[in-house]
Amino acid sequence: MAKVNLSILVDEQHKDKILEVVEALQAYGMKVESIMEQIGVITGSIDSDIKALSNITGVAAVEVAQQYQLPPPSSEIQ
């Protein structure tokens, strides 16, 4: 499976235990890139199936990061 970039939203009851949620995500195979404790968001990437991440205690939502590549300046359509 290809690497998928993710944002994980931590539920309100676990914001003060966000590092425990991070450990659980890492145990599942997620490479954590940033932890935004104040807003309860964890970003990172994973190679495996992301659906199971939503079953981890403390995870409120799992969102796949959206990417967009602008055409190069030399392209005909601007």
PDB file of N, CA and C in Angstrom:
ATOM      1  N   MET A   1       0.837  -1.173   0.000  1.00  0.00           N
ATOM      2  CA  MET A   1       0.000   0.000   0.000  1.00  0.00           C
ATOM      3  C   MET A   1       0.886   1.242   0.000  1.00  0.00           C
ATOM      4  N   ALA A   2       0.466   2.290  -0.664  1.00  0.00           N
ATOM      5  CA  ALA A   2       1.244   3.521  -0.761  1.00  0.00           C
ATOM      6  C   ALA A   2       1.154   4.332   0.528  1.00  0.00           C
ATOM      7  N   LYS A   3       2.174   5.150   0.759  1.00  0.00           N
ATOM      8  CA  LYS A   3       2.194   6.013   1.937  1.00  0.00           C
ATOM      9  C   LYS A   3       1.072   7.043   1.829  1.00  0.00           C
ATOM     10  N   VAL A   4       0.327   7.210   2.912  1.00  0.00           N
ATOM     11  CA  VAL A   4      -0.791   8.142   2.960  1.00  0.00           C
ATOM     12  C   VAL A   4      -0.509   9.166   4.052  1.00  0.00           C
ATOM     13  N   ASN A   5      -0.618  10.458   3.720  1.00  0.00           N
ATOM     14  CA  ASN A   5      -0.466  11.520   4.711  1.00  0.00           C
ATOM     15  C   ASN A   5      -1.809  11.748   5.395  1.00  0.00           C
ATOM     16  N   LEU A   6      -1.770  11.891   6.721  1.00  0.00           N
ATOM     17  CA  LEU A   6      -2.993  11.963   7.515  1.00  0.00           C
ATOM     18  C   LEU A   6      -2.975  13.091   8.523  1.00  0.00           C
ATOM     19  N   SER A   7      -4.183  13.497   8.910  1.00  0.00           N
ATOM     20  CA  SER A   7      -4.395  14.342  10.078  1.00  0.00           C
ATOM     21  C   SER A   7      -5.341  13.578  10.991  1.00  0.00           C
ATOM     22  N   ILE A   8      -4.974  13.488  12.250  1.00  0.00           N
ATOM     23  CA  ILE A   8      -5.778  12.781  13.246  1.00  0.00           C
ATOM     24  C   ILE A   8      -6.311  13.806  14.239  1.00  0.00           C
ATOM     25  N   LEU A   9      -7.626  13.796  14.455  1.00  0.00           N
ATOM     26  CA  LEU A   9      -8.240  14.662  15.449  1.00  0.00           C
ATOM     27  C   LEU A   9      -8.464  13.849  16.718  1.00  0.00           C
ATOM     28  N   VAL A  10      -7.946  14.351  17.827  1.00  0.00           N
ATOM     29  CA  VAL A  10      -8.082  13.675  19.122  1.00  0.00           C
ATOM     30  C   VAL A  10      -9.361  14.176  19.791  1.00  0.00           C
ATOM     31  N   ASP A  11     -10.136  13.254  20.381  1.00  0.00           N
ATOM     32  CA  ASP A  11     -11.383  13.673  21.021  1.00  0.00           C
ATOM     33  C   ASP A  11     -11.098  14.484  22.288  1.00  0.00           C
ATOM     34  N   GLU A  12     -12.108  15.238  22.709  1.00  0.00           N
ATOM     35  CA  GLU A  12     -11.961  16.159  23.848  1.00  0.00           C
ATOM     36  C   GLU A  12     -11.518  15.449  25.125  1.00  0.00           C
ATOM     37  N   GLN A  13     -12.002  14.238  25.356  1.00  0.00           N
ATOM     38  CA  GLN A  13     -11.677  13.510  26.582  1.00  0.00           C
ATOM     39  C   GLN A  13     -10.220  13.056  26.628  1.00  0.00           C
ATOM     40  N   HIS A  14      -9.543  13.046  25.483  1.00  0.00           N
ATOM     41  CA  HIS A  14      -8.167  12.545  25.437  1.00  0.00           C
ATOM     42  C   HIS A  14      -7.135  13.611  25.058  1.00  0.00           C
ATOM     43  N   LYS A  15      -7.556  14.874  24.938  1.00  0.00           N
ATOM     44  CA  LYS A  15      -6.593  15.927  24.584  1.00  0.00           C
ATOM     45  C   LYS A  15      -5.464  16.021  25.607  1.00  0.00           C
ATOM     46  N   ASP A  16      -5.786  15.818  26.877  1.00  0.00           N
ATOM     47  CA  ASP A  16      -4.747  15.885  27.906  1.00  0.00           C
ATOM     48  C   ASP A  16      -3.886  14.617  27.934  1.00  0.00           C
ATOM     49  N   LYS A  17      -4.284  13.599  27.162  1.00  0.00           N
ATOM     50  CA  LYS A  17      -3.523  12.350  27.055  1.00  0.00           C
ATOM     51  C   LYS A  17      -3.066  12.139  25.616  1.00  0.00           C
ATOM     52  N   ILE A  18      -2.803  13.230  24.909  1.00  0.00           N
ATOM     53  CA  ILE A  18      -2.490  13.146  23.478  1.00  0.00           C
ATOM     54  C   ILE A  18      -1.238  12.311  23.214  1.00  0.00           C
ATOM     55  N   LEU A  19      -0.288  12.330  24.142  1.00  0.00           N
ATOM     56  CA  LEU A  19       0.930  11.534  23.935  1.00  0.00           C
ATOM     57  C   LEU A  19       0.639  10.034  23.980  1.00  0.00           C
ATOM     58  N   GLU A  20      -0.364   9.629  24.751  1.00  0.00           N
ATOM     59  CA  GLU A  20      -0.777   8.223  24.754  1.00  0.00           C
ATOM     60  C   GLU A  20      -1.399   7.846  23.409  1.00  0.00           C
ATOM     61  N   VAL A  21      -2.164   8.769  22.842  1.00  0.00           N
ATOM     62  CA  VAL A  21      -2.759   8.536  21.522  1.00  0.00           C
ATOM     63  C   VAL A  21      -1.650   8.433  20.480  1.00  0.00           C
ATOM     64  N   VAL A  22      -0.643   9.307  20.590  1.00  0.00           N
ATOM     65  CA  VAL A  22       0.506   9.263  19.673  1.00  0.00           C
ATOM     66  C   VAL A  22       1.190   7.900  19.750  1.00  0.00           C
ATOM     67  N   GLU A  23       1.424   7.410  20.957  1.00  0.00           N
ATOM     68  CA  GLU A  23       2.071   6.098  21.126  1.00  0.00           C
ATOM     69  C   GLU A  23       1.253   4.984  20.477  1.00  0.00           C
ATOM     70  N   ALA A  24      -0.065   5.038  20.629  1.00  0.00           N
ATOM     71  CA  ALA A  24      -0.930   4.020  20.027  1.00  0.00           C
ATOM     72  C   ALA A  24      -0.866   4.092  18.504  1.00  0.00           C
ATOM     73  N   LEU A  25      -0.855   5.302  17.953  1.00  0.00           N
ATOM     74  CA  LEU A  25      -0.752   5.471  16.500  1.00  0.00           C
ATOM     75  C   LEU A  25       0.588   4.944  15.991  1.00  0.00           C
ATOM     76  N   GLN A  26       1.663   5.251  16.720  1.00  0.00           N
ATOM     77  CA  GLN A  26       2.986   4.771  16.326  1.00  0.00           C
ATOM     78  C   GLN A  26       3.068   3.247  16.407  1.00  0.00           C
ATOM     79  N   ALA A  27       2.432   2.659  17.411  1.00  0.00           N
ATOM     80  CA  ALA A  27       2.425   1.202  17.539  1.00  0.00           C
ATOM     81  C   ALA A  27       1.717   0.554  16.351  1.00  0.00           C
ATOM     82  N   TYR A  28       0.756   1.253  15.788  1.00  0.00           N
ATOM     83  CA  TYR A  28       0.048   0.741  14.620  1.00  0.00           C
ATOM     84  C   TYR A  28       0.868   0.916  13.341  1.00  0.00           C
ATOM     85  N   GLY A  29       1.904   1.773  13.393  1.00  0.00           N
ATOM     86  CA  GLY A  29       2.771   1.963  12.229  1.00  0.00           C
ATOM     87  C   GLY A  29       2.770   3.361  11.658  1.00  0.00           C
ATOM     88  N   MET A  30       2.098   4.287  12.312  1.00  0.00           N
ATOM     89  CA  MET A  30       2.064   5.662  11.817  1.00  0.00           C
ATOM     90  C   MET A  30       3.359   6.377  12.172  1.00  0.00           C
ATOM     91  N   LYS A  31       3.917   7.088  11.194  1.00  0.00           N
ATOM     92  CA  LYS A  31       5.081   7.936  11.437  1.00  0.00           C
ATOM     93  C   LYS A  31       4.543   9.328  11.767  1.00  0.00           C
ATOM     94  N   VAL A  32       4.644   9.718  13.026  1.00  0.00           N
ATOM     95  CA  VAL A  32       4.114  11.000  13.487  1.00  0.00           C
ATOM     96  C   VAL A  32       5.093  12.104  13.119  1.00  0.00           C
ATOM     97  N   GLU A  33       4.584  13.137  12.461  1.00  0.00           N
ATOM     98  CA  GLU A  33       5.415  14.262  12.035  1.00  0.00           C
ATOM     99  C   GLU A  33       5.227  15.492  12.911  1.00  0.00           C
ATOM    100  N   SER A  34       4.001  15.719  13.395  1.00  0.00           N
ATOM    101  CA  SER A  34       3.792  16.854  14.296  1.00  0.00           C
ATOM    102  C   SER A  34       2.628  16.570  15.240  1.00  0.00           C
ATOM    103  N   ILE A  35       2.738  17.175  16.427  1.00  0.00           N
ATOM    104  CA  ILE A  35       1.709  17.049  17.458  1.00  0.00           C
ATOM    105  C   ILE A  35       1.305  18.463  17.854  1.00  0.00           C
ATOM    106  N   MET A  36       0.052  18.801  17.612  1.00  0.00           N
ATOM    107  CA  MET A  36      -0.463  20.123  17.969  1.00  0.00           C
ATOM    108  C   MET A  36      -1.379  19.949  19.180  1.00  0.00           C
ATOM    109  N   GLU A  37      -0.759  19.962  20.358  1.00  0.00           N
ATOM    110  CA  GLU A  37      -1.476  19.649  21.594  1.00  0.00           C
ATOM    111  C   GLU A  37      -2.627  20.603  21.868  1.00  0.00           C
ATOM    112  N   GLN A  38      -2.439  21.882  21.614  1.00  0.00           N
ATOM    113  CA  GLN A  38      -3.467  22.876  21.933  1.00  0.00           C
ATOM    114  C   GLN A  38      -4.777  22.632  21.200  1.00  0.00           C
ATOM    115  N   ILE A  39      -4.684  22.156  19.958  1.00  0.00           N
ATOM    116  CA  ILE A  39      -5.905  21.942  19.176  1.00  0.00           C
ATOM    117  C   ILE A  39      -6.250  20.464  19.016  1.00  0.00           C
ATOM    118  N   GLY A  40      -5.417  19.580  19.545  1.00  0.00           N
ATOM    119  CA  GLY A  40      -5.699  18.153  19.517  1.00  0.00           C
ATOM    120  C   GLY A  40      -5.584  17.512  18.152  1.00  0.00           C
ATOM    121  N   VAL A  41      -4.550  17.898  17.399  1.00  0.00           N
ATOM    122  CA  VAL A  41      -4.340  17.347  16.062  1.00  0.00           C
ATOM    123  C   VAL A  41      -2.951  16.726  15.976  1.00  0.00           C
ATOM    124  N   ILE A  42      -2.887  15.570  15.337  1.00  0.00           N
ATOM    125  CA  ILE A  42      -1.634  14.857  15.090  1.00  0.00           C
ATOM    126  C   ILE A  42      -1.535  14.647  13.589  1.00  0.00           C
ATOM    127  N   THR A  43      -0.377  14.963  13.001  1.00  0.00           N
ATOM    128  CA  THR A  43      -0.191  14.715  11.570  1.00  0.00           C
ATOM    129  C   THR A  43       0.930  13.711  11.374  1.00  0.00           C
ATOM    130  N   GLY A  44       0.861  13.015  10.251  1.00  0.00           N
ATOM    131  CA  GLY A  44       1.888  12.039   9.943  1.00  0.00           C
ATOM    132  C   GLY A  44       1.520  11.237   8.716  1.00  0.00           C
ATOM    133  N   SER A  45       2.150  10.071   8.587  1.00  0.00           N
ATOM    134  CA  SER A  45       1.894   9.219   7.427  1.00  0.00           C
ATOM    135  C   SER A  45       1.925   7.756   7.853  1.00  0.00           C
ATOM    136  N   ILE A  46       1.307   6.924   7.015  1.00  0.00           N
ATOM    137  CA  ILE A  46       1.238   5.489   7.294  1.00  0.00           C
ATOM    138  C   ILE A  46       1.162   4.740   5.970  1.00  0.00           C
ATOM    139  N   ASP A  47       1.706   3.530   5.965  1.00  0.00           N
ATOM    140  CA  ASP A  47       1.677   2.696   4.768  1.00  0.00           C
ATOM    141  C   ASP A  47       0.527   1.696   4.777  1.00  0.00           C
ATOM    142  N   SER A  48      -0.075   1.475   5.915  1.00  0.00           N
ATOM    143  CA  SER A  48      -1.101   0.434   6.011  1.00  0.00           C
ATOM    144  C   SER A  48      -2.507   1.022   5.932  1.00  0.00           C
ATOM    145  N   ASP A  49      -3.480   0.162   6.106  1.00  0.00           N
ATOM    146  CA  ASP A  49      -4.887   0.544   6.031  1.00  0.00           C
ATOM    147  C   ASP A  49      -5.219   1.564   7.115  1.00  0.00           C
ATOM    148  N   ILE A  50      -5.791   2.691   6.711  1.00  0.00           N
ATOM    149  CA  ILE A  50      -6.053   3.769   7.666  1.00  0.00           C
ATOM    150  C   ILE A  50      -7.371   3.606   8.416  1.00  0.00           C
ATOM    151  N   LYS A  51      -8.258   2.751   7.948  1.00  0.00           N
ATOM    152  CA  LYS A  51      -9.576   2.612   8.580  1.00  0.00           C
ATOM    153  C   LYS A  51      -9.467   2.171  10.034  1.00  0.00           C
ATOM    154  N   ALA A  52      -8.518   1.322  10.339  1.00  0.00           N
ATOM    155  CA  ALA A  52      -8.373   0.816  11.704  1.00  0.00           C
ATOM    156  C   ALA A  52      -7.923   1.901  12.677  1.00  0.00           C
ATOM    157  N   LEU A  53      -7.309   2.972  12.183  1.00  0.00           N
ATOM    158  CA  LEU A  53      -6.847   4.040  13.074  1.00  0.00           C
ATOM    159  C   LEU A  53      -8.008   4.688  13.819  1.00  0.00           C
ATOM    160  N   SER A  54      -9.172   4.738  13.206  1.00  0.00           N
ATOM    161  CA  SER A  54     -10.322   5.367  13.859  1.00  0.00           C
ATOM    162  C   SER A  54     -10.819   4.556  15.054  1.00  0.00           C
ATOM    163  N   ASN A  55     -10.369   3.305  15.186  1.00  0.00           N
ATOM    164  CA  ASN A  55     -10.753   2.472  16.328  1.00  0.00           C
ATOM    165  C   ASN A  55      -9.845   2.659  17.535  1.00  0.00           C
ATOM    166  N   ILE A  56      -8.775   3.427  17.378  1.00  0.00           N
ATOM    167  CA  ILE A  56      -7.851   3.668  18.488  1.00  0.00           C
ATOM    168  C   ILE A  56      -8.515   4.603  19.494  1.00  0.00           C
ATOM    169  N   THR A  57      -8.412   4.257  20.764  1.00  0.00           N
ATOM    170  CA  THR A  57      -8.998   5.080  21.821  1.00  0.00           C
ATOM    171  C   THR A  57      -8.424   6.490  21.770  1.00  0.00           C
ATOM    172  N   GLY A  58      -9.311   7.472  21.753  1.00  0.00           N
ATOM    173  CA  GLY A  58      -8.902   8.869  21.725  1.00  0.00           C
ATOM    174  C   GLY A  58      -8.956   9.497  20.349  1.00  0.00           C
ATOM    175  N   VAL A  59      -9.109   8.692  19.312  1.00  0.00           N
ATOM    176  CA  VAL A  59      -9.172   9.227  17.949  1.00  0.00           C
ATOM    177  C   VAL A  59     -10.621   9.565  17.617  1.00  0.00           C
ATOM    178  N   ALA A  60     -10.867  10.848  17.310  1.00  0.00           N
ATOM    179  CA  ALA A  60     -12.212  11.291  16.945  1.00  0.00           C
ATOM    180  C   ALA A  60     -12.425  11.229  15.442  1.00  0.00           C
ATOM    181  N   ALA A  61     -11.370  11.523  14.666  1.00  0.00           N
ATOM    182  CA  ALA A  61     -11.494  11.525  13.203  1.00  0.00           C
ATOM    183  C   ALA A  61     -10.140  11.304  12.556  1.00  0.00           C
ATOM    184  N   VAL A  62     -10.169  10.681  11.379  1.00  0.00           N
ATOM    185  CA  VAL A  62      -8.975  10.460  10.565  1.00  0.00           C
ATOM    186  C   VAL A  62      -9.249  11.068   9.201  1.00  0.00           C
ATOM    187  N   GLU A  63      -8.400  12.004   8.787  1.00  0.00           N
ATOM    188  CA  GLU A  63      -8.577  12.647   7.487  1.00  0.00           C
ATOM    189  C   GLU A  63      -7.336  12.454   6.639  1.00  0.00           C
ATOM    190  N   VAL A  64      -7.547  12.065   5.394  1.00  0.00           N
ATOM    191  CA  VAL A  64      -6.447  11.957   4.439  1.00  0.00           C
ATOM    192  C   VAL A  64      -6.109  13.365   3.975  1.00  0.00           C
ATOM    193  N   ALA A  65      -4.831  13.712   4.008  1.00  0.00           N
ATOM    194  CA  ALA A  65      -4.389  15.042   3.586  1.00  0.00           C
ATOM    195  C   ALA A  65      -4.622  15.213   2.090  1.00  0.00           C
ATOM    196  N   GLN A  66      -5.157  16.351   1.722  1.00  0.00           N
ATOM    197  CA  GLN A  66      -5.389  16.667   0.317  1.00  0.00           C
ATOM    198  C   GLN A  66      -4.153  17.345  -0.249  1.00  0.00           C
ATOM    199  N   GLN A  67      -3.798  16.976  -1.462  1.00  0.00           N
ATOM    200  CA  GLN A  67      -2.643  17.585  -2.116  1.00  0.00           C
ATOM    201  C   GLN A  67      -3.058  18.117  -3.471  1.00  0.00           C
ATOM    202  N   TYR A  68      -2.445  19.220  -3.860  1.00  0.00           N
ATOM    203  CA  TYR A  68      -2.701  19.798  -5.170  1.00  0.00           C
ATOM    204  C   TYR A  68      -1.386  20.316  -5.719  1.00  0.00           C
ATOM    205  N   GLN A  69      -1.116  20.021  -6.964  1.00  0.00           N
ATOM    206  CA  GLN A  69       0.112  20.476  -7.616  1.00  0.00           C
ATOM    207  C   GLN A  69      -0.250  21.488  -8.696  1.00  0.00           C
ATOM    208  N   LEU A  70       0.216  22.708  -8.532  1.00  0.00           N
ATOM    209  CA  LEU A  70      -0.002  23.732  -9.559  1.00  0.00           C
ATOM    210  C   LEU A  70       0.803  23.394 -10.799  1.00  0.00           C
ATOM    211  N   PRO A  71       0.289  23.762 -11.974  1.00  0.00           N
ATOM    212  CA  PRO A  71       1.088  23.547 -13.183  1.00  0.00           C
ATOM    213  C   PRO A  71       2.306  24.466 -13.165  1.00  0.00           C
ATOM    214  N   PRO A  72       3.363  24.078 -13.841  1.00  0.00           N
ATOM    215  CA  PRO A  72       4.557  24.925 -13.874  1.00  0.00           C
ATOM    216  C   PRO A  72       4.265  26.247 -14.588  1.00  0.00           C
ATOM    217  N   PRO A  73       5.009  27.292 -14.267  1.00  0.00           N
ATOM    218  CA  PRO A  73       4.789  28.599 -14.891  1.00  0.00           C
ATOM    219  C   PRO A  73       4.897  28.566 -16.414  1.00  0.00           C
ATOM    220  N   SER A  74       5.615  27.622 -16.936  1.00  0.00           N
ATOM    221  CA  SER A  74       5.797  27.554 -18.384  1.00  0.00           C
ATOM    222  C   SER A  74       4.636  26.854 -19.100  1.00  0.00           C
ATOM    223  N   SER A  75       3.660  26.338 -18.348  1.00  0.00           N
ATOM    224  CA  SER A  75       2.544  25.653 -19.004  1.00  0.00           C
ATOM    225  C   SER A  75       1.652  26.660 -19.723  1.00  0.00           C
ATOM    226  N   GLU A  76       0.926  26.180 -20.730  1.00  0.00           N
ATOM    227  CA  GLU A  76       0.105  27.068 -21.547  1.00  0.00           C
ATOM    228  C   GLU A  76      -1.097  27.610 -20.790  1.00  0.00           C
ATOM    229  N   ILE A  77      -1.668  26.825 -19.898  1.00  0.00           N
ATOM    230  CA  ILE A  77      -2.848  27.270 -19.155  1.00  0.00           C
ATOM    231  C   ILE A  77      -2.397  27.838 -17.817  1.00  0.00           C
ATOM    232  N   GLN A  78      -2.751  29.089 -17.572  1.00  0.00           N
ATOM    233  CA  GLN A  78      -2.366  29.750 -16.321  1.00  0.00           C
ATOM    234  C   GLN A  78      -3.570  30.206 -15.556  1.00  0.00           C
TER     235      GLN A  78
END
